[in-house]
Amino acid sequence: DLDPKLQAALKEYLLARGVTPELATSLREHLLQKEQAQYVSWLKTLEGMFTKDH
């Protein structure tokens, strides 16, 4: 955990630059969806490698 003073300073810094809690939530959701899509793509590639051999 970050020091509470550092947390407050970081929050203030981000808010001053337009990074609101809503934006942070949207970014997190987008990145989670992207990561999931990449994982599924990787699994399909892996599956393709095994099905070609058999």
C-alpha atoms as a PDB file:
ATOM      1  CA  ASP A   1       0.000   0.000   0.000  1.00  0.00           C
ATOM      2  CA  LEU A   2       1.097   3.522  -0.767  1.00  0.00           C
ATOM      3  CA  ASP A   3       1.507   6.081   1.956  1.00  0.00           C
ATOM      4  CA  PRO A   4      -1.814   7.967   2.362  1.00  0.00           C
ATOM      5  CA  LYS A   5      -0.122  11.297   1.575  1.00  0.00           C
ATOM      6  CA  LEU A   6       1.330   9.857  -1.617  1.00  0.00           C
ATOM      7  CA  GLN A   7      -2.071   8.423  -2.563  1.00  0.00           C
ATOM      8  CA  ALA A   8      -3.699  11.824  -2.086  1.00  0.00           C
ATOM      9  CA  ALA A   9      -0.977  13.557  -4.105  1.00  0.00           C
ATOM     10  CA  LEU A  10      -1.318  11.045  -6.939  1.00  0.00           C
ATOM     11  CA  LYS A  11      -5.105  11.409  -6.966  1.00  0.00           C
ATOM     12  CA  GLU A  12      -4.781  15.202  -7.082  1.00  0.00           C
ATOM     13  CA  TYR A  13      -2.198  14.964  -9.878  1.00  0.00           C
ATOM     14  CA  LEU A  14      -4.416  12.692 -11.988  1.00  0.00           C
ATOM     15  CA  LEU A  15      -7.558  14.754 -11.410  1.00  0.00           C
ATOM     16  CA  ALA A  16      -5.704  17.922 -12.442  1.00  0.00           C
ATOM     17  CA  ARG A  17      -4.916  16.201 -15.733  1.00  0.00           C
ATOM     18  CA  GLY A  18      -8.475  15.068 -16.399  1.00  0.00           C
ATOM     19  CA  VAL A  19      -8.176  11.489 -15.187  1.00  0.00           C
ATOM     20  CA  THR A  20     -11.458  11.132 -13.344  1.00  0.00           C
ATOM     21  CA  PRO A  21     -12.620   8.014 -11.510  1.00  0.00           C
ATOM     22  CA  GLU A  22     -15.044   7.372 -14.377  1.00  0.00           C
ATOM     23  CA  LEU A  23     -12.236   7.551 -16.941  1.00  0.00           C
ATOM     24  CA  ALA A  24     -10.055   5.260 -14.850  1.00  0.00           C
ATOM     25  CA  THR A  25     -12.899   2.735 -14.612  1.00  0.00           C
ATOM     26  CA  SER A  26     -13.519   2.887 -18.364  1.00  0.00           C
ATOM     27  CA  LEU A  27      -9.825   2.407 -19.098  1.00  0.00           C
ATOM     28  CA  ARG A  28      -9.635  -0.546 -16.728  1.00  0.00           C
ATOM     29  CA  GLU A  29     -12.674  -2.208 -18.336  1.00  0.00           C
ATOM     30  CA  HIS A  30     -11.288  -1.612 -21.834  1.00  0.00           C
ATOM     31  CA  LEU A  31      -7.894  -3.052 -20.912  1.00  0.00           C
ATOM     32  CA  LEU A  32      -9.465  -6.111 -19.274  1.00  0.00           C
ATOM     33  CA  GLN A  33     -11.513  -6.765 -22.431  1.00  0.00           C
ATOM     34  CA  LYS A  34      -8.424  -6.324 -24.598  1.00  0.00           C
ATOM     35  CA  GLU A  35      -6.417  -8.707 -22.421  1.00  0.00           C
ATOM     36  CA  GLN A  36      -9.209 -11.294 -22.579  1.00  0.00           C
ATOM     37  CA  ALA A  37      -9.376 -11.021 -26.385  1.00  0.00           C
ATOM     38  CA  GLN A  38      -5.605 -11.460 -26.642  1.00  0.00           C
ATOM     39  CA  TYR A  39      -5.753 -14.507 -24.367  1.00  0.00           C
ATOM     40  CA  VAL A  40      -8.517 -16.105 -26.435  1.00  0.00           C
ATOM     41  CA  SER A  41      -6.531 -15.416 -29.602  1.00  0.00           C
ATOM     42  CA  TRP A  42      -3.462 -17.032 -28.041  1.00  0.00           C
ATOM     43  CA  LEU A  43      -5.508 -20.081 -27.034  1.00  0.00           C
ATOM     44  CA  LYS A  44      -6.858 -20.415 -30.592  1.00  0.00           C
ATOM     45  CA  THR A  45      -3.314 -20.206 -31.961  1.00  0.00           C
ATOM     46  CA  LEU A  46      -2.197 -22.865 -29.508  1.00  0.00           C
ATOM     47  CA  GLU A  47      -5.155 -25.046 -30.423  1.00  0.00           C
ATOM     48  CA  GLY A  48      -4.291 -24.656 -34.106  1.00  0.00           C
ATOM     49  CA  MET A  49      -0.748 -25.809 -33.463  1.00  0.00           C
ATOM     50  CA  PHE A  50      -1.976 -28.995 -31.797  1.00  0.00           C
ATOM     51  CA  THR A  51      -4.698 -29.796 -34.317  1.00  0.00           C
ATOM     52  CA  LYS A  52      -2.232 -29.493 -37.230  1.00  0.00           C
ATOM     53  CA  ASP A  53      -0.030 -32.193 -35.710  1.00  0.00           C
ATOM     54  CA  HIS A  54      -2.838 -34.702 -35.209  1.00  0.00           C
END
